[in-house]
Amino acid sequence: MIDLAGRHVLVTGASRGIGAACCRAFARAGAAVLVHFVASEAKAKRLLAELGDLSPRPRPHRMFRCNVTQDEQVAALFEFVAREWGALDCLVNNAGVWVHNPLRELDGGELRATLEVNVVGPFLFARGALPLLERSPDGNIVNVSSTAGQRGEAFYSPYAASKGAVIAATRAWASELAPRVRVNAVAPGWVETDMTAAALAGERGREVAASIPLGRVAAPDDIAGPVLFLASPLARHITGEVVNVNGGSVLGG
């Protein structure tokens, strides 16, 4: 079992889906978790209470609301982390948006909004976390990308471009921040979340599952496990890698 007792972890976009699953996995492993959220305060509060029950020992779990695209709000979050914990061992950049954006109909506002959340957000959080991560015995960042960033995704090109940028940033940061901070990414394929529920409804969902070699769409816990591994000492000699978690739907990339 992975033991992260004494470690402190910040997960962005943590009130639901992959982010919430990551929080639960880290809590079970003994880490203190900061649940970041933007709008879903009630869900964040319920998750925070759940983390206390999941932890093998009392841990100082926390929650914080901020817009990932706003410099001042991100700075306030890291002031909170420094005040409450005085340490940070892992940042999971998970917050993101997935919006239907056909190129013919795309306007600049939609494009900028996607890139702001999915690209600018991880940059601001990585920059803000760095002073604390550099003081950790195993400071690391795990970025949540997507198969869309590897192979493209029709009618979602801003999302695909943003997730490709996350992969490029992962590799650049891994080189730049070594040896003090490790940086890796996971690239999920289809995952059953609130964000994909409409797209996976009915026959379309069955078609997607049938197209995946392992025969099913991932659950959020399927992504949380690899994130936990990359954040743990088991991965202490891994940096700059993109771990595909897609049931075999994209091989390589």
C-alpha atoms as a PDB file:
ATOM      1  CA  MET A   1       0.000   0.000   0.000  1.00  0.00           C
ATOM      2  CA  ILE A   2       1.187   3.526  -0.760  1.00  0.00           C
ATOM      3  CA  ASP A   3       1.771   5.436   2.472  1.00  0.00           C
ATOM      4  CA  LEU A   4       1.752   9.233   2.181  1.00  0.00           C
ATOM      5  CA  ALA A   5       1.476   9.999   5.890  1.00  0.00           C
ATOM      6  CA  GLY A   6       2.847  13.460   6.560  1.00  0.00           C
ATOM      7  CA  ARG A   7       2.463  14.553   2.933  1.00  0.00           C
ATOM      8  CA  HIS A   8       0.338  17.479   1.765  1.00  0.00           C
ATOM      9  CA  VAL A   9      -1.501  17.442  -1.561  1.00  0.00           C
ATOM     10  CA  LEU A  10      -3.450  20.083  -3.473  1.00  0.00           C
ATOM     11  CA  VAL A  11      -5.964  18.895  -6.085  1.00  0.00           C
ATOM     12  CA  THR A  12      -7.560  21.462  -8.404  1.00  0.00           C
ATOM     13  CA  GLY A  13     -11.096  20.985  -9.676  1.00  0.00           C
ATOM     14  CA  ALA A  14     -11.574  18.598  -6.798  1.00  0.00           C
ATOM     15  CA  SER A  15     -15.258  18.733  -5.912  1.00  0.00           C
ATOM     16  CA  ARG A  16     -16.335  16.038  -8.389  1.00  0.00           C
ATOM     17  CA  GLY A  17     -15.234  13.487 -10.974  1.00  0.00           C
ATOM     18  CA  ILE A  18     -11.540  12.713 -11.357  1.00  0.00           C
ATOM     19  CA  GLY A  19     -10.550  15.410  -8.875  1.00  0.00           C
ATOM     20  CA  ALA A  20     -12.760  14.031  -6.109  1.00  0.00           C
ATOM     21  CA  ALA A  21     -11.527  10.487  -6.797  1.00  0.00           C
ATOM     22  CA  CYS A  22      -7.937  11.706  -6.479  1.00  0.00           C
ATOM     23  CA  CYS A  23      -8.739  13.375  -3.161  1.00  0.00           C
ATOM     24  CA  ARG A  24     -10.192  10.142  -1.805  1.00  0.00           C
ATOM     25  CA  ALA A  25      -7.177   8.136  -2.965  1.00  0.00           C
ATOM     26  CA  PHE A  26      -4.728  10.526  -1.318  1.00  0.00           C
ATOM     27  CA  ALA A  27      -6.752  10.608   1.910  1.00  0.00           C
ATOM     28  CA  ARG A  28      -6.790   6.806   2.095  1.00  0.00           C
ATOM     29  CA  ALA A  29      -3.008   6.877   1.637  1.00  0.00           C
ATOM     30  CA  GLY A  30      -2.683   9.160   4.668  1.00  0.00           C
ATOM     31  CA  ALA A  31      -2.015  12.524   3.003  1.00  0.00           C
ATOM     32  CA  ALA A  32      -3.564  15.822   4.002  1.00  0.00           C
ATOM     33  CA  VAL A  33      -5.631  17.091   1.072  1.00  0.00           C
ATOM     34  CA  LEU A  34      -6.676  20.557  -0.015  1.00  0.00           C
ATOM     35  CA  VAL A  35      -9.901  20.426  -2.024  1.00  0.00           C
ATOM     36  CA  HIS A  36      -9.903  23.242  -4.571  1.00  0.00           C
ATOM     37  CA  PHE A  37     -13.229  24.237  -6.110  1.00  0.00           C
ATOM     38  CA  VAL A  38     -14.748  27.109  -8.069  1.00  0.00           C
ATOM     39  CA  ALA A  39     -18.547  26.857  -7.868  1.00  0.00           C
ATOM     40  CA  SER A  40     -19.583  23.615  -6.158  1.00  0.00           C
ATOM     41  CA  GLU A  41     -19.184  24.613  -2.509  1.00  0.00           C
ATOM     42  CA  ALA A  42     -21.753  22.114  -1.219  1.00  0.00           C
ATOM     43  CA  LYS A  43     -20.022  19.234  -3.009  1.00  0.00           C
ATOM     44  CA  ALA A  44     -16.643  20.391  -1.737  1.00  0.00           C
ATOM     45  CA  LYS A  45     -17.934  20.455   1.842  1.00  0.00           C
ATOM     46  CA  ARG A  46     -19.389  16.953   1.541  1.00  0.00           C
ATOM     47  CA  LEU A  47     -16.119  15.675   0.086  1.00  0.00           C
ATOM     48  CA  LEU A  48     -14.118  17.331   2.856  1.00  0.00           C
ATOM     49  CA  ALA A  49     -16.211  15.532   5.476  1.00  0.00           C
ATOM     50  CA  GLU A  50     -15.804  12.262   3.593  1.00  0.00           C
ATOM     51  CA  LEU A  51     -12.020  12.633   3.504  1.00  0.00           C
ATOM     52  CA  GLY A  52     -11.934  12.825   7.274  1.00  0.00           C
ATOM     53  CA  ASP A  53     -13.716   9.479   7.480  1.00  0.00           C
ATOM     54  CA  LEU A  54     -11.416   7.894   4.883  1.00  0.00           C
ATOM     55  CA  SER A  55      -8.133   8.957   6.459  1.00  0.00           C
ATOM     56  CA  PRO A  56      -6.401   6.295   8.576  1.00  0.00           C
ATOM     57  CA  ARG A  57      -5.544   8.992  11.129  1.00  0.00           C
ATOM     58  CA  PRO A  58      -6.714  12.595  11.700  1.00  0.00           C
ATOM     59  CA  ARG A  59      -5.377  14.840   8.940  1.00  0.00           C
ATOM     60  CA  PRO A  60      -5.693  18.617   8.410  1.00  0.00           C
ATOM     61  CA  HIS A  61      -7.780  18.451   5.220  1.00  0.00           C
ATOM     62  CA  ARG A  62      -8.816  21.840   3.880  1.00  0.00           C
ATOM     63  CA  MET A  63     -10.891  23.393   1.083  1.00  0.00           C
ATOM     64  CA  PHE A  64     -10.463  26.638  -0.854  1.00  0.00           C
ATOM     65  CA  ARG A  65     -12.429  28.415  -3.560  1.00  0.00           C
ATOM     66  CA  CYS A  66     -10.664  30.272  -6.348  1.00  0.00           C
ATOM     67  CA  ASN A  67     -10.812  30.949 -10.062  1.00  0.00           C
ATOM     68  CA  VAL A  68      -7.808  29.149 -11.564  1.00  0.00           C
ATOM     69  CA  THR A  69      -7.340  31.860 -14.194  1.00  0.00           C
ATOM     70  CA  GLN A  70      -7.008  34.788 -11.782  1.00  0.00           C
ATOM     71  CA  ASP A  71      -3.495  35.571 -10.543  1.00  0.00           C
ATOM     72  CA  GLU A  72      -4.639  37.247  -7.331  1.00  0.00           C
ATOM     73  CA  GLN A  73      -6.966  34.421  -6.339  1.00  0.00           C
ATOM     74  CA  VAL A  74      -4.340  31.766  -7.032  1.00  0.00           C
ATOM     75  CA  ALA A  75      -1.821  33.756  -4.980  1.00  0.00           C
ATOM     76  CA  ALA A  76      -4.340  33.909  -2.109  1.00  0.00           C
ATOM     77  CA  LEU A  77      -4.749  30.138  -2.252  1.00  0.00           C
ATOM     78  CA  PHE A  78      -1.019  29.568  -1.830  1.00  0.00           C
ATOM     79  CA  GLU A  79      -0.880  32.082   1.004  1.00  0.00           C
ATOM     80  CA  PHE A  80      -3.580  29.944   2.639  1.00  0.00           C
ATOM     81  CA  VAL A  81      -1.536  26.768   2.057  1.00  0.00           C
ATOM     82  CA  ALA A  82       1.568  28.367   3.552  1.00  0.00           C
ATOM     83  CA  ARG A  83      -0.392  29.592   6.562  1.00  0.00           C
ATOM     84  CA  GLU A  84      -2.361  26.389   7.213  1.00  0.00           C
ATOM     85  CA  TRP A  85       0.249  23.761   6.332  1.00  0.00           C
ATOM     86  CA  GLY A  86       3.577  25.461   5.719  1.00  0.00           C
ATOM     87  CA  ALA A  87       4.311  22.679   3.234  1.00  0.00           C
ATOM     88  CA  LEU A  88       3.186  21.150  -0.051  1.00  0.00           C
ATOM     89  CA  ASP A  89       4.413  17.876  -1.542  1.00  0.00           C
ATOM     90  CA  CYS A  90       2.188  17.373  -4.576  1.00  0.00           C
ATOM     91  CA  LEU A  91       0.090  19.508  -6.903  1.00  0.00           C
ATOM     92  CA  VAL A  92      -2.495  17.741  -9.063  1.00  0.00           C
ATOM     93  CA  ASN A  93      -3.529  20.056 -11.912  1.00  0.00           C
ATOM     94  CA  ASN A  94      -6.924  18.578 -12.692  1.00  0.00           C
ATOM     95  CA  ALA A  95      -9.308  21.529 -13.184  1.00  0.00           C
ATOM     96  CA  GLY A  96     -10.501  21.793 -16.760  1.00  0.00           C
ATOM     97  CA  VAL A  97     -13.381  22.407 -19.133  1.00  0.00           C
ATOM     98  CA  TRP A  98     -14.592  20.372 -22.128  1.00  0.00           C
ATOM     99  CA  VAL A  99     -16.878  22.315 -24.440  1.00  0.00           C
ATOM    100  CA  HIS A 100     -18.280  21.507 -27.892  1.00  0.00           C
ATOM    101  CA  ASN A 101     -16.494  24.010 -30.177  1.00  0.00           C
ATOM    102  CA  PRO A 102     -16.905  23.314 -33.931  1.00  0.00           C
ATOM    103  CA  LEU A 103     -14.293  25.379 -35.744  1.00  0.00           C
ATOM    104  CA  ARG A 104     -16.823  26.926 -38.142  1.00  0.00           C
ATOM    105  CA  GLU A 105     -18.830  28.266 -35.201  1.00  0.00           C
ATOM    106  CA  LEU A 106     -15.981  29.045 -32.821  1.00  0.00           C
ATOM    107  CA  ASP A 107     -15.761  32.547 -31.411  1.00  0.00           C
ATOM    108  CA  GLY A 108     -12.775  34.089 -29.685  1.00  0.00           C
ATOM    109  CA  GLY A 109     -14.459  34.123 -26.313  1.00  0.00           C
ATOM    110  CA  GLU A 110     -14.977  30.353 -26.310  1.00  0.00           C
ATOM    111  CA  LEU A 111     -11.415  29.744 -27.423  1.00  0.00           C
ATOM    112  CA  ARG A 112      -9.901  32.028 -24.816  1.00  0.00           C
ATOM    113  CA  ALA A 113     -12.088  30.616 -22.031  1.00  0.00           C
ATOM    114  CA  THR A 114     -10.956  27.055 -22.754  1.00  0.00           C
ATOM    115  CA  LEU A 115      -7.287  27.988 -22.988  1.00  0.00           C
ATOM    116  CA  GLU A 116      -7.473  30.122 -19.850  1.00  0.00           C
ATOM    117  CA  VAL A 117      -8.819  27.316 -17.673  1.00  0.00           C
ATOM    118  CA  ASN A 118      -6.970  24.383 -19.239  1.00  0.00           C
ATOM    119  CA  VAL A 119      -3.580  25.993 -19.908  1.00  0.00           C
ATOM    120  CA  VAL A 120      -3.190  29.250 -17.991  1.00  0.00           C
ATOM    121  CA  GLY A 121      -4.634  27.662 -14.834  1.00  0.00           C
ATOM    122  CA  PRO A 122      -2.008  24.873 -14.601  1.00  0.00           C
ATOM    123  CA  PHE A 123       0.758  27.400 -15.273  1.00  0.00           C
ATOM    124  CA  LEU A 124      -0.425  29.717 -12.490  1.00  0.00           C
ATOM    125  CA  PHE A 125      -0.775  26.845 -10.035  1.00  0.00           C
ATOM    126  CA  ALA A 126       2.595  25.331 -10.892  1.00  0.00           C
ATOM    127  CA  ARG A 127       4.270  28.707 -10.461  1.00  0.00           C
ATOM    128  CA  GLY A 128       2.500  29.322  -7.152  1.00  0.00           C
ATOM    129  CA  ALA A 129       3.282  25.858  -5.796  1.00  0.00           C
ATOM    130  CA  LEU A 130       6.954  25.848  -6.729  1.00  0.00           C
ATOM    131  CA  PRO A 131       8.453  27.516  -3.612  1.00  0.00           C
ATOM    132  CA  LEU A 132       6.754  24.947  -1.371  1.00  0.00           C
ATOM    133  CA  LEU A 133       7.362  21.965  -3.650  1.00  0.00           C
ATOM    134  CA  GLU A 134      11.072  22.725  -3.804  1.00  0.00           C
ATOM    135  CA  ARG A 135      11.284  22.326  -0.024  1.00  0.00           C
ATOM    136  CA  SER A 136       9.623  18.895  -0.092  1.00  0.00           C
ATOM    137  CA  PRO A 137      11.693  15.682   0.000  1.00  0.00           C
ATOM    138  CA  ASP A 138       9.698  14.518  -3.037  1.00  0.00           C
ATOM    139  CA  GLY A 139       7.968  17.553  -4.499  1.00  0.00           C
ATOM    140  CA  ASN A 140       6.012  16.701  -7.608  1.00  0.00           C
ATOM    141  CA  ILE A 141       3.326  17.845 -10.026  1.00  0.00           C
ATOM    142  CA  VAL A 142       0.843  15.572 -11.763  1.00  0.00           C
ATOM    143  CA  ASN A 143      -0.980  17.180 -14.681  1.00  0.00           C
ATOM    144  CA  VAL A 144      -4.226  15.736 -15.994  1.00  0.00           C
ATOM    145  CA  SER A 145      -4.125  15.839 -19.794  1.00  0.00           C
ATOM    146  CA  SER A 146      -6.201  13.756 -22.225  1.00  0.00           C
ATOM    147  CA  THR A 147      -5.992  11.465 -25.227  1.00  0.00           C
ATOM    148  CA  ALA A 148      -7.436  14.458 -27.077  1.00  0.00           C
ATOM    149  CA  GLY A 149      -4.089  16.175 -26.599  1.00  0.00           C
ATOM    150  CA  GLN A 150      -2.354  13.258 -28.315  1.00  0.00           C
ATOM    151  CA  ARG A 151      -4.591  12.493 -31.282  1.00  0.00           C
ATOM    152  CA  GLY A 152      -6.866  15.545 -31.565  1.00  0.00           C
ATOM    153  CA  GLU A 153     -10.623  15.537 -31.162  1.00  0.00           C
ATOM    154  CA  ALA A 154     -13.036  16.715 -33.860  1.00  0.00           C
ATOM    155  CA  PHE A 155     -15.419  19.472 -32.774  1.00  0.00           C
ATOM    156  CA  TYR A 156     -13.390  19.989 -29.579  1.00  0.00           C
ATOM    157  CA  SER A 157     -10.212  21.440 -31.079  1.00  0.00           C
ATOM    158  CA  PRO A 158      -9.666  24.111 -28.361  1.00  0.00           C
ATOM    159  CA  TYR A 159      -9.823  21.354 -25.742  1.00  0.00           C
ATOM    160  CA  ALA A 160      -7.476  19.126 -27.748  1.00  0.00           C
ATOM    161  CA  ALA A 161      -5.046  22.005 -28.226  1.00  0.00           C
ATOM    162  CA  SER A 162      -5.146  22.854 -24.536  1.00  0.00           C
ATOM    163  CA  LYS A 163      -4.447  19.271 -23.473  1.00  0.00           C
ATOM    164  CA  GLY A 164      -1.601  19.025 -25.976  1.00  0.00           C
ATOM    165  CA  ALA A 165      -0.178  22.144 -24.359  1.00  0.00           C
ATOM    166  CA  VAL A 166      -0.405  20.445 -20.957  1.00  0.00           C
ATOM    167  CA  ILE A 167       1.674  17.544 -22.271  1.00  0.00           C
ATOM    168  CA  ALA A 168       4.278  19.927 -23.690  1.00  0.00           C
ATOM    169  CA  ALA A 169       4.396  21.863 -20.427  1.00  0.00           C
ATOM    170  CA  THR A 170       4.809  18.626 -18.467  1.00  0.00           C
ATOM    171  CA  ARG A 171       7.932  17.719 -20.418  1.00  0.00           C
ATOM    172  CA  ALA A 172       9.333  21.238 -20.308  1.00  0.00           C
ATOM    173  CA  TRP A 173       8.789  21.591 -16.553  1.00  0.00           C
ATOM    174  CA  ALA A 174      10.256  18.143 -15.895  1.00  0.00           C
ATOM    175  CA  SER A 175      13.525  19.277 -17.451  1.00  0.00           C
ATOM    176  CA  GLU A 176      13.453  22.764 -15.957  1.00  0.00           C
ATOM    177  CA  LEU A 177      12.562  21.811 -12.379  1.00  0.00           C
ATOM    178  CA  ALA A 178      14.761  18.731 -11.971  1.00  0.00           C
ATOM    179  CA  PRO A 179      16.166  17.520  -9.679  1.00  0.00           C
ATOM    180  CA  ARG A 180      14.075  19.177  -6.953  1.00  0.00           C
ATOM    181  CA  VAL A 181      10.594  18.669  -8.444  1.00  0.00           C
ATOM    182  CA  ARG A 182       9.268  15.792 -10.561  1.00  0.00           C
ATOM    183  CA  VAL A 183       6.584  16.521 -13.175  1.00  0.00           C
ATOM    184  CA  ASN A 184       4.419  13.909 -14.877  1.00  0.00           C
ATOM    185  CA  ALA A 185       1.012  13.662 -16.514  1.00  0.00           C
ATOM    186  CA  VAL A 186      -1.811  11.210 -16.968  1.00  0.00           C
ATOM    187  CA  ALA A 187      -3.775  11.161 -20.232  1.00  0.00           C
ATOM    188  CA  PRO A 188      -7.241   9.684 -19.671  1.00  0.00           C
ATOM    189  CA  GLY A 189      -9.492   8.599 -22.477  1.00  0.00           C
ATOM    190  CA  TRP A 190     -13.245   8.474 -21.946  1.00  0.00           C
ATOM    191  CA  VAL A 191     -14.187   8.715 -18.263  1.00  0.00           C
ATOM    192  CA  GLU A 192     -17.648   8.583 -16.715  1.00  0.00           C
ATOM    193  CA  THR A 193     -18.036  12.007 -15.115  1.00  0.00           C
ATOM    194  CA  ASP A 194     -20.610  14.797 -14.964  1.00  0.00           C
ATOM    195  CA  MET A 195     -18.738  16.449 -17.835  1.00  0.00           C
ATOM    196  CA  THR A 196     -19.160  13.473 -20.198  1.00  0.00           C
ATOM    197  CA  ALA A 197     -22.558  12.198 -19.025  1.00  0.00           C
ATOM    198  CA  ALA A 198     -24.552  13.664 -21.913  1.00  0.00           C
ATOM    199  CA  ALA A 199     -22.031  12.536 -24.541  1.00  0.00           C
ATOM    200  CA  LEU A 200     -22.015   8.971 -23.181  1.00  0.00           C
ATOM    201  CA  ALA A 201     -25.772   8.602 -22.821  1.00  0.00           C
ATOM    202  CA  GLY A 202     -27.630   5.779 -24.534  1.00  0.00           C
ATOM    203  CA  GLU A 203     -26.358   4.086 -27.676  1.00  0.00           C
ATOM    204  CA  ARG A 204     -23.417   6.456 -28.018  1.00  0.00           C
ATOM    205  CA  GLY A 205     -22.062   5.301 -24.672  1.00  0.00           C
ATOM    206  CA  ARG A 206     -22.347   1.667 -25.716  1.00  0.00           C
ATOM    207  CA  GLU A 207     -20.514   2.438 -28.967  1.00  0.00           C
ATOM    208  CA  VAL A 208     -17.712   4.196 -27.114  1.00  0.00           C
ATOM    209  CA  ALA A 209     -17.319   1.299 -24.675  1.00  0.00           C
ATOM    210  CA  ALA A 210     -17.229  -1.205 -27.531  1.00  0.00           C
ATOM    211  CA  SER A 211     -14.447   0.792 -29.235  1.00  0.00           C
ATOM    212  CA  ILE A 212     -12.172   0.503 -26.180  1.00  0.00           C
ATOM    213  CA  PRO A 213     -10.029  -2.661 -26.134  1.00  0.00           C
ATOM    214  CA  LEU A 214     -10.726  -3.246 -22.429  1.00  0.00           C
ATOM    215  CA  GLY A 215     -14.434  -3.007 -23.172  1.00  0.00           C
ATOM    216  CA  ARG A 216     -15.574  -0.241 -20.862  1.00  0.00           C
ATOM    217  CA  VAL A 217     -15.398   3.482 -20.154  1.00  0.00           C
ATOM    218  CA  ALA A 218     -13.123   4.378 -17.243  1.00  0.00           C
ATOM    219  CA  ALA A 219     -14.421   5.348 -13.824  1.00  0.00           C
ATOM    220  CA  PRO A 220     -12.792   8.287 -12.019  1.00  0.00           C
ATOM    221  CA  ASP A 221     -11.060   5.839  -9.656  1.00  0.00           C
ATOM    222  CA  ASP A 222      -9.289   4.325 -12.671  1.00  0.00           C
ATOM    223  CA  ILE A 223      -7.529   7.667 -13.167  1.00  0.00           C
ATOM    224  CA  ALA A 224      -6.938   8.394  -9.488  1.00  0.00           C
ATOM    225  CA  GLY A 225      -4.824   5.256  -9.044  1.00  0.00           C
ATOM    226  CA  PRO A 226      -2.154   6.234 -11.596  1.00  0.00           C
ATOM    227  CA  VAL A 227      -2.153   9.805 -10.247  1.00  0.00           C
ATOM    228  CA  LEU A 228      -1.507   8.461  -6.743  1.00  0.00           C
ATOM    229  CA  PHE A 229       1.302   6.248  -8.051  1.00  0.00           C
ATOM    230  CA  LEU A 230       3.023   9.126  -9.869  1.00  0.00           C
ATOM    231  CA  ALA A 231       2.810  11.268  -6.730  1.00  0.00           C
ATOM    232  CA  SER A 232       4.265   8.556  -4.506  1.00  0.00           C
ATOM    233  CA  PRO A 233       7.842   7.494  -3.722  1.00  0.00           C
ATOM    234  CA  LEU A 234       7.253   4.452  -5.943  1.00  0.00           C
ATOM    235  CA  ALA A 235       7.661   6.863  -8.885  1.00  0.00           C
ATOM    236  CA  ARG A 236      10.646   8.732  -7.448  1.00  0.00           C
ATOM    237  CA  HIS A 237      12.730   8.126 -10.612  1.00  0.00           C
ATOM    238  CA  ILE A 238       9.964   9.022 -13.072  1.00  0.00           C
ATOM    239  CA  THR A 239       9.697  12.528 -14.506  1.00  0.00           C
ATOM    240  CA  GLY A 240       8.549  13.969 -17.811  1.00  0.00           C
ATOM    241  CA  GLU A 241       6.298  10.981 -18.529  1.00  0.00           C
ATOM    242  CA  VAL A 242       2.738  10.834 -19.824  1.00  0.00           C
ATOM    243  CA  VAL A 243       0.875   7.781 -18.522  1.00  0.00           C
ATOM    244  CA  ASN A 244      -1.959   6.748 -20.828  1.00  0.00           C
ATOM    245  CA  VAL A 245      -5.060   5.593 -18.939  1.00  0.00           C
ATOM    246  CA  ASN A 246      -7.489   4.843 -21.724  1.00  0.00           C
ATOM    247  CA  GLY A 247      -8.177   1.111 -21.798  1.00  0.00           C
ATOM    248  CA  GLY A 248      -5.978   0.698 -24.863  1.00  0.00           C
ATOM    249  CA  SER A 249      -7.858   3.148 -27.085  1.00  0.00           C
ATOM    250  CA  VAL A 250      -4.690   5.136 -27.824  1.00  0.00           C
ATOM    251  CA  LEU A 251      -1.437   3.175 -27.858  1.00  0.00           C
ATOM    252  CA  GLY A 252       1.519   5.513 -27.493  1.00  0.00           C
ATOM    253  CA  GLY A 253       1.710   9.283 -27.728  1.00  0.00           C
END
